[in-house]
C-alpha atoms as a PDB file:
ATOM      1  CA  MET A   1      74.213-290.683 -10.792  1.00  0.00           C
ATOM      2  CA  TYR A   2      76.193-288.416 -11.257  1.00  0.00           C
ATOM      3  CA  SER A   3      77.692-285.284 -14.056  1.00  0.00           C
ATOM      4  CA  ALA A   4      80.718-284.945 -15.992  1.00  0.00           C
ATOM      5  CA  GLU A   5      81.842-281.299 -13.623  1.00  0.00           C
ATOM      6  CA  LEU A   6      81.195-283.880 -10.609  1.00  0.00           C
ATOM      7  CA  VAL A   7      83.429-286.260 -12.475  1.00  0.00           C
ATOM      8  CA  ASP A   8      86.413-283.537 -13.453  1.00  0.00           C
ATOM      9  CA  TRP A   9      86.519-281.776 -11.026  1.00  0.00           C
ATOM     10  CA  LEU A  10      87.814-285.732  -9.049  1.00  0.00           C
ATOM     11  CA  GLU A  11      91.267-284.948 -11.752  1.00  0.00           C
ATOM     12  CA  ASN A  12      92.242-282.042  -9.378  1.00  0.00           C
ATOM     13  CA  GLU A  13      94.892-283.825  -7.338  1.00  0.00           C
ATOM     14  CA  ASN A  14      96.073-284.537  -9.926  1.00  0.00           C
ATOM     15  CA  ARG A  15      96.421-281.663 -12.610  1.00  0.00           C
ATOM     16  CA  LEU A  16      97.188-279.499  -9.763  1.00  0.00           C
ATOM     17  CA  GLY A  17     100.671-278.171 -11.100  1.00  0.00           C
ATOM     18  CA  ALA A  18      98.848-277.022 -13.561  1.00  0.00           C
ATOM     19  CA  LEU A  19      96.140-275.733 -12.914  1.00  0.00           C
ATOM     20  CA  CYS A  20      98.167-273.388  -9.958  1.00  0.00           C
ATOM     21  CA  SER A  21     101.021-272.652 -12.008  1.00  0.00           C
ATOM     22  CA  ALA A  22      99.943-269.206 -12.600  1.00  0.00           C
ATOM     23  CA  HIS A  23     101.666-269.367  -8.565  1.00  0.00           C
ATOM     24  CA  GLN A  24     104.897-269.071  -7.053  1.00  0.00           C
ATOM     25  CA  SER A  25     105.164-272.915  -5.853  1.00  0.00           C
ATOM     26  CA  GLU A  26     104.983-272.701  -2.399  1.00  0.00           C
ATOM     27  CA  SER A  27     103.937-269.259  -2.348  1.00  0.00           C
ATOM     28  CA  GLN A  28     100.675-268.194  -0.358  1.00  0.00           C
ATOM     29  CA  PRO A  29      98.634-267.949  -4.168  1.00  0.00           C
ATOM     30  CA  TRP A  30      99.853-271.440  -4.946  1.00  0.00           C
ATOM     31  CA  TYR A  31      98.798-272.825  -1.000  1.00  0.00           C
ATOM     32  CA  ALA A  32      95.440-271.149  -1.873  1.00  0.00           C
ATOM     33  CA  CYS A  33      95.518-272.298  -4.754  1.00  0.00           C
ATOM     34  CA  ARG A  34      95.259-275.983  -3.622  1.00  0.00           C
ATOM     35  CA  GLU A  35      93.384-275.416  -1.296  1.00  0.00           C
ATOM     36  CA  GLU A  36      90.590-274.233  -3.817  1.00  0.00           C
ATOM     37  CA  LEU A  37      90.613-277.116  -5.617  1.00  0.00           C
ATOM     38  CA  LEU A  38      91.120-280.122  -3.285  1.00  0.00           C
ATOM     39  CA  LYS A  39      88.165-278.621  -1.503  1.00  0.00           C
ATOM     40  CA  PRO A  40      84.526-281.533  -2.256  1.00  0.00           C
ATOM     41  CA  LYS A  41      81.682-279.867  -4.713  1.00  0.00           C
ATOM     42  CA  VAL A  42      78.548-280.939  -3.471  1.00  0.00           C
ATOM     43  CA  HIS A  43      75.610-281.105  -6.273  1.00  0.00           C
ATOM     44  CA  VAL A  44      72.196-281.068  -4.110  1.00  0.00           C
ATOM     45  CA  VAL A  45      69.132-283.001  -5.880  1.00  0.00           C
ATOM     46  CA  ARG A  46      65.850-282.215  -5.411  1.00  0.00           C
ATOM     47  CA  LEU A  47      63.593-284.326  -4.941  1.00  0.00           C
ATOM     48  CA  LYS A  48      59.462-284.851  -5.424  1.00  0.00           C
ATOM     49  CA  THR A  49      57.046-287.797  -4.542  1.00  0.00           C
ATOM     50  CA  ALA A  50      55.676-287.275  -7.512  1.00  0.00           C
ATOM     51  CA  PRO A  51      56.842-287.278 -11.285  1.00  0.00           C
ATOM     52  CA  ASN A  52      56.425-282.990 -11.867  1.00  0.00           C
ATOM     53  CA  ARG A  53      57.838-280.171 -11.172  1.00  0.00           C
ATOM     54  CA  GLN A  54      54.623-279.835  -8.887  1.00  0.00           C
ATOM     55  CA  GLY A  55      54.190-282.713  -6.683  1.00  0.00           C
ATOM     56  CA  ARG A  56      55.821-282.312  -2.843  1.00  0.00           C
ATOM     57  CA  PRO A  57      58.784-282.325  -1.828  1.00  0.00           C
ATOM     58  CA  GLY A  58      60.586-286.040  -0.960  1.00  0.00           C
ATOM     59  CA  GLY A  59      63.735-284.694   0.253  1.00  0.00           C
ATOM     60  CA  ASP A  60      66.991-283.641  -1.085  1.00  0.00           C
ATOM     61  CA  LEU A  61      69.640-286.046  -2.585  1.00  0.00           C
ATOM     62  CA  ILE A  62      73.420-284.851  -2.635  1.00  0.00           C
ATOM     63  CA  ILE A  63      76.065-285.630  -4.198  1.00  0.00           C
ATOM     64  CA  GLU A  64      79.275-284.812  -3.074  1.00  0.00           C
ATOM     65  CA  SER A  65      83.136-284.745  -5.500  1.00  0.00           C
ATOM     66  CA  THR A  66      86.216-285.492  -3.032  1.00  0.00           C
ATOM     67  CA  PRO A  67      89.012-284.654  -6.100  1.00  0.00           C
ATOM     68  CA  GLY A  68      91.647-287.527  -4.908  1.00  0.00           C
ATOM     69  CA  LYS A  69      88.825-289.710  -2.991  1.00  0.00           C
ATOM     70  CA  GLY A  70      85.935-289.910  -4.734  1.00  0.00           C
ATOM     71  CA  LEU A  71      82.167-290.141  -4.822  1.00  0.00           C
ATOM     72  CA  ARG A  72      79.687-290.352  -2.337  1.00  0.00           C
ATOM     73  CA  ALA A  73      76.331-290.217  -2.038  1.00  0.00           C
ATOM     74  CA  TYR A  74      73.360-289.476   0.985  1.00  0.00           C
ATOM     75  CA  TYR A  75      69.719-289.054   1.040  1.00  0.00           C
ATOM     76  CA  VAL A  76      68.591-286.363   3.602  1.00  0.00           C
ATOM     77  CA  PRO A  77      65.023-286.517   4.510  1.00  0.00           C
ATOM     78  CA  ALA A  78      62.266-283.945   3.271  1.00  0.00           C
ATOM     79  CA  GLU A  79      61.249-283.025   6.906  1.00  0.00           C
ATOM     80  CA  GLY A  80      65.089-283.061   7.916  1.00  0.00           C
ATOM     81  CA  GLY A  81      67.424-284.529  10.171  1.00  0.00           C
ATOM     82  CA  ALA A  82      70.940-286.159   9.533  1.00  0.00           C
ATOM     83  CA  ALA A  83      71.870-287.273   6.254  1.00  0.00           C
ATOM     84  CA  VAL A  84      71.306-291.007   5.440  1.00  0.00           C
ATOM     85  CA  PRO A  85      74.336-292.331   3.351  1.00  0.00           C
ATOM     86  CA  LEU A  86      72.833-293.529  -0.388  1.00  0.00           C
ATOM     87  CA  ILE A  87      75.736-296.186  -1.162  1.00  0.00           C
ATOM     88  CA  PRO A  88      74.841-296.856  -5.645  1.00  0.00           C
ATOM     89  CA  ASP A  89      73.972-300.051  -6.770  1.00  0.00           C
ATOM     90  CA  ILE A  90      77.067-300.462  -8.934  1.00  0.00           C
ATOM     91  CA  LEU A  91      79.757-299.217  -7.582  1.00  0.00           C
ATOM     92  CA  ASN A  92      83.711-299.291  -8.264  1.00  0.00           C
ATOM     93  CA  SER A  93      85.403-296.757  -6.438  1.00  0.00           C
ATOM     94  CA  ASP A  94      87.325-296.036  -8.854  1.00  0.00           C
ATOM     95  CA  TRP A  95      86.038-293.076 -10.878  1.00  0.00           C
ATOM     96  CA  GLY A  96      88.375-293.785 -13.436  1.00  0.00           C
ATOM     97  CA  TYR A  97      86.555-296.715 -15.262  1.00  0.00           C
ATOM     98  CA  GLY A  98      83.132-295.954 -15.600  1.00  0.00           C
ATOM     99  CA  PRO A  99      82.634-294.537 -13.958  1.00  0.00           C
ATOM    100  CA  PHE A 100      80.496-296.498 -11.909  1.00  0.00           C
ATOM    101  CA  PHE A 101      78.360-295.074  -9.833  1.00  0.00           C
ATOM    102  CA  HIS A 102      75.283-295.904 -10.570  1.00  0.00           C
ATOM    103  CA  HIS A 103      71.990-296.369  -9.174  1.00  0.00           C
ATOM    104  CA  SER A 104      68.452-298.520 -10.106  1.00  0.00           C
ATOM    105  CA  ILE A 105      65.992-297.339 -12.161  1.00  0.00           C
ATOM    106  CA  VAL A 106      61.926-298.982 -10.938  1.00  0.00           C
ATOM    107  CA  GLU A 107      60.018-296.942 -13.347  1.00  0.00           C
ATOM    108  CA  ARG A 108      60.794-293.574 -15.831  1.00  0.00           C
ATOM    109  CA  ARG A 109      58.063-291.058 -17.467  1.00  0.00           C
ATOM    110  CA  GLY A 110      59.909-288.695 -19.285  1.00  0.00           C
ATOM    111  CA  SER A 111      63.365-287.132 -18.184  1.00  0.00           C
ATOM    112  CA  TRP A 112      62.099-288.093 -13.755  1.00  0.00           C
ATOM    113  CA  LEU A 113      63.423-291.362 -13.037  1.00  0.00           C
ATOM    114  CA  ARG A 114      61.689-293.241  -9.832  1.00  0.00           C
ATOM    115  CA  LEU A 115      63.704-294.223  -6.799  1.00  0.00           C
ATOM    116  CA  PRO A 116      64.107-297.514  -5.317  1.00  0.00           C
ATOM    117  CA  GLU A 117      63.640-297.770  -1.403  1.00  0.00           C
ATOM    118  CA  ALA A 118      66.079-297.502   0.984  1.00  0.00           C
ATOM    119  CA  PRO A 119      66.887-295.195   2.432  1.00  0.00           C
ATOM    120  CA  LEU A 120      64.623-293.706   0.085  1.00  0.00           C
ATOM    121  CA  PRO A 121      60.570-293.554   0.441  1.00  0.00           C
ATOM    122  CA  LYS A 122      59.252-295.419  -1.812  1.00  0.00           C
ATOM    123  CA  GLY A 123      57.877-293.428  -3.811  1.00  0.00           C
ATOM    124  CA  THR A 124      61.095-290.305  -4.443  1.00  0.00           C
ATOM    125  CA  TRP A 125      61.637-289.226  -8.236  1.00  0.00           C
ATOM    126  CA  LEU A 126      64.086-287.593 -10.284  1.00  0.00           C
ATOM    127  CA  ASP A 127      64.860-285.101 -12.526  1.00  0.00           C
ATOM    128  CA  MET A 128      67.111-286.824 -14.311  1.00  0.00           C
ATOM    129  CA  SER A 129      67.864-283.980 -16.287  1.00  0.00           C
ATOM    130  CA  ASP A 130      68.532-282.078 -12.937  1.00  0.00           C
ATOM    131  CA  LEU A 131      72.236-284.702 -12.952  1.00  0.00           C
ATOM    132  CA  GLY A 132      73.309-282.140 -15.747  1.00  0.00           C
ATOM    133  CA  PRO A 133      72.832-281.002 -19.521  1.00  0.00           C
ATOM    134  CA  ALA A 134      74.603-284.713 -20.912  1.00  0.00           C
ATOM    135  CA  ALA A 135      73.078-287.594 -18.082  1.00  0.00           C
ATOM    136  CA  ASN A 136      71.722-290.577 -19.293  1.00  0.00           C
ATOM    137  CA  PRO A 137      70.326-293.893 -17.441  1.00  0.00           C
ATOM    138  CA  THR A 138      72.326-296.102 -19.110  1.00  0.00           C
ATOM    139  CA  TRP A 139      70.517-300.081 -19.330  1.00  0.00           C
ATOM    140  CA  LEU A 140      71.301-304.002 -19.094  1.00  0.00           C
ATOM    141  CA  ALA A 141      72.727-304.535 -22.124  1.00  0.00           C
ATOM    142  CA  PRO A 142      72.918-307.590 -24.544  1.00  0.00           C
ATOM    143  CA  GLU A 143      76.576-309.257 -24.021  1.00  0.00           C
ATOM    144  CA  ASP A 144      77.206-307.945 -20.780  1.00  0.00           C
ATOM    145  CA  ILE A 145      79.031-310.011 -17.745  1.00  0.00           C
ATOM    146  CA  VAL A 146      76.592-309.612 -14.325  1.00  0.00           C
ATOM    147  CA  GLU A 147      76.130-310.785 -11.193  1.00  0.00           C
ATOM    148  CA  SER A 148      73.481-311.982  -9.885  1.00  0.00           C
ATOM    149  CA  PRO A 149      71.551-314.770  -7.183  1.00  0.00           C
ATOM    150  CA  LEU A 150      71.538-317.749 -10.377  1.00  0.00           C
ATOM    151  CA  GLY A 151      75.109-317.154 -10.776  1.00  0.00           C
ATOM    152  CA  ASP A 152      77.708-315.192 -13.111  1.00  0.00           C
ATOM    153  CA  LEU A 153      75.329-314.209 -16.717  1.00  0.00           C
ATOM    154  CA  TYR A 154      75.599-313.498 -19.993  1.00  0.00           C
ATOM    155  CA  ILE A 155      73.030-311.593 -21.425  1.00  0.00           C
ATOM    156  CA  ILE A 156      71.384-312.234 -24.172  1.00  0.00           C
ATOM    157  CA  ASP A 157      68.718-310.577 -24.881  1.00  0.00           C
ATOM    158  CA  VAL A 158      66.574-307.400 -22.775  1.00  0.00           C
ATOM    159  CA  ALA A 159      63.238-306.883 -24.011  1.00  0.00           C
ATOM    160  CA  ASN A 160      59.514-306.089 -22.538  1.00  0.00           C
ATOM    161  CA  GLY A 161      60.768-306.542 -18.830  1.00  0.00           C
ATOM    162  CA  ARG A 162      62.579-308.992 -19.318  1.00  0.00           C
ATOM    163  CA  VAL A 163      66.066-310.826 -19.779  1.00  0.00           C
ATOM    164  CA  ARG A 164      67.001-314.024 -20.970  1.00  0.00           C
ATOM    165  CA  ALA A 165      70.662-315.345 -20.336  1.00  0.00           C
ATOM    166  CA  ARG A 166      72.692-317.391 -19.893  1.00  0.00           C
ATOM    167  CA  PRO A 167      75.812-318.689 -17.737  1.00  0.00           C
ATOM    168  CA  GLU A 168      78.916-317.380 -18.194  1.00  0.00           C
ATOM    169  CA  GLN A 169      81.509-318.579 -20.534  1.00  0.00           C
ATOM    170  CA  GLU A 170      85.203-318.425 -20.748  1.00  0.00           C
ATOM    171  CA  GLY A 171      85.010-317.072 -23.478  1.00  0.00           C
ATOM    172  CA  ASP A 172      82.966-313.506 -23.055  1.00  0.00           C
ATOM    173  CA  MET A 173      85.611-311.185 -21.216  1.00  0.00           C
ATOM    174  CA  TRP A 174      88.440-313.269 -22.749  1.00  0.00           C
ATOM    175  CA  CYS A 175      92.266-311.311 -22.782  1.00  0.00           C
ATOM    176  CA  ASP A 176      93.715-313.884 -23.470  1.00  0.00           C
ATOM    177  CA  ALA A 177      95.687-313.826 -27.500  1.00  0.00           C
ATOM    178  CA  ASP A 178      92.503-314.879 -29.840  1.00  0.00           C
ATOM    179  CA  PRO A 179      91.477-316.414 -30.924  1.00  0.00           C
ATOM    180  CA  PRO A 180      88.934-317.154 -27.095  1.00  0.00           C
ATOM    181  CA  PRO A 181      87.137-320.350 -26.976  1.00  0.00           C
ATOM    182  CA  PRO A 182      83.554-320.979 -29.281  1.00  0.00           C
ATOM    183  CA  VAL A 183      80.351-320.238 -27.442  1.00  0.00           C
ATOM    184  CA  ALA A 184      79.659-324.158 -25.324  1.00  0.00           C
ATOM    185  CA  PRO A 185      76.388-325.140 -26.494  1.00  0.00           C
ATOM    186  CA  PHE A 186      74.315-324.206 -23.155  1.00  0.00           C
ATOM    187  CA  ARG A 187      70.073-323.605 -21.761  1.00  0.00           C
ATOM    188  CA  ALA A 188      69.038-319.966 -21.980  1.00  0.00           C
ATOM    189  CA  LEU A 189      67.895-318.336 -18.751  1.00  0.00           C
ATOM    190  CA  SER A 190      64.360-316.401 -18.459  1.00  0.00           C
ATOM    191  CA  LEU A 191      64.483-313.508 -16.207  1.00  0.00           C
ATOM    192  CA  GLY A 192      61.892-311.612 -14.911  1.00  0.00           C
ATOM    193  CA  ALA A 193      61.096-308.902 -12.269  1.00  0.00           C
ATOM    194  CA  SER A 194      61.340-310.940  -8.992  1.00  0.00           C
ATOM    195  CA  ASP A 195      64.387-312.220 -10.137  1.00  0.00           C
ATOM    196  CA  LEU A 196      65.593-308.451 -11.730  1.00  0.00           C
ATOM    197  CA  TYR A 197      64.238-307.265  -8.468  1.00  0.00           C
ATOM    198  CA  THR A 198      64.575-307.159  -4.643  1.00  0.00           C
ATOM    199  CA  SER A 199      61.280-306.627  -3.345  1.00  0.00           C
ATOM    200  CA  THR A 200      62.461-302.274  -2.657  1.00  0.00           C
ATOM    201  CA  GLY A 201      62.801-302.140  -6.218  1.00  0.00           C
ATOM    202  CA  HIS A 202      66.931-302.302  -6.286  1.00  0.00           C
ATOM    203  CA  LEU A 203      68.334-303.984  -9.171  1.00  0.00           C
ATOM    204  CA  ARG A 204      70.026-307.669  -7.821  1.00  0.00           C
ATOM    205  CA  LEU A 205      72.642-308.468 -11.287  1.00  0.00           C
ATOM    206  CA  ARG A 206      76.007-305.970 -10.868  1.00  0.00           C
ATOM    207  CA  LEU A 207      78.221-305.899 -13.774  1.00  0.00           C
ATOM    208  CA  LYS A 208      81.250-308.156 -13.253  1.00  0.00           C
ATOM    209  CA  TYR A 209      84.311-305.999 -14.239  1.00  0.00           C
ATOM    210  CA  THR A 210      83.971-303.054 -13.571  1.00  0.00           C
ATOM    211  CA  ARG A 211      87.712-302.746 -14.243  1.00  0.00           C
ATOM    212  CA  GLY A 212      87.508-304.029 -17.154  1.00  0.00           C
ATOM    213  CA  CYS A 213      90.068-308.153 -17.864  1.00  0.00           C
END
């Protein structure tokens, strides 16, 4: 739920020396340059109540990128009012990893994604192309390790709306010298829709190692 431009903007604080190098240090233009580059960059995505441009307005998704602080998202209802914080389902506030600022997808139709309820109303759609030309969903995949209501799991396979997994083992995220311990015998689990999603469409699984080892 971000664009490359927004993530790049976060690094301004670390690059001020180079970005404002055309101005004499501590001069008025230098301070003005710093102030401009540390402002939040805001990206607004128009949401719809149907997966097409002709659908009724579904409110706005506001994504804010503040240099040195990270990404934040808000939902503004179609009828107006105060912005409501929207916390992504998979989040690591340190953008140097990932970045992980991902929200669940309930349904996909072409470039349109139906988002889960709470804080969004039921049946809210986002056109993925509005996040930028390189925007693509990230899907659960084999070898992912996730936290779940059933414990920490190692994903074996994802197919036909089901996930096959097993309990995480010591060698699955091995950060010591090779070789890792061999995989011990296990009984695979098959997770269906009720295991994977809440009643409002939020994914119950969370990537466990968003910072690596």
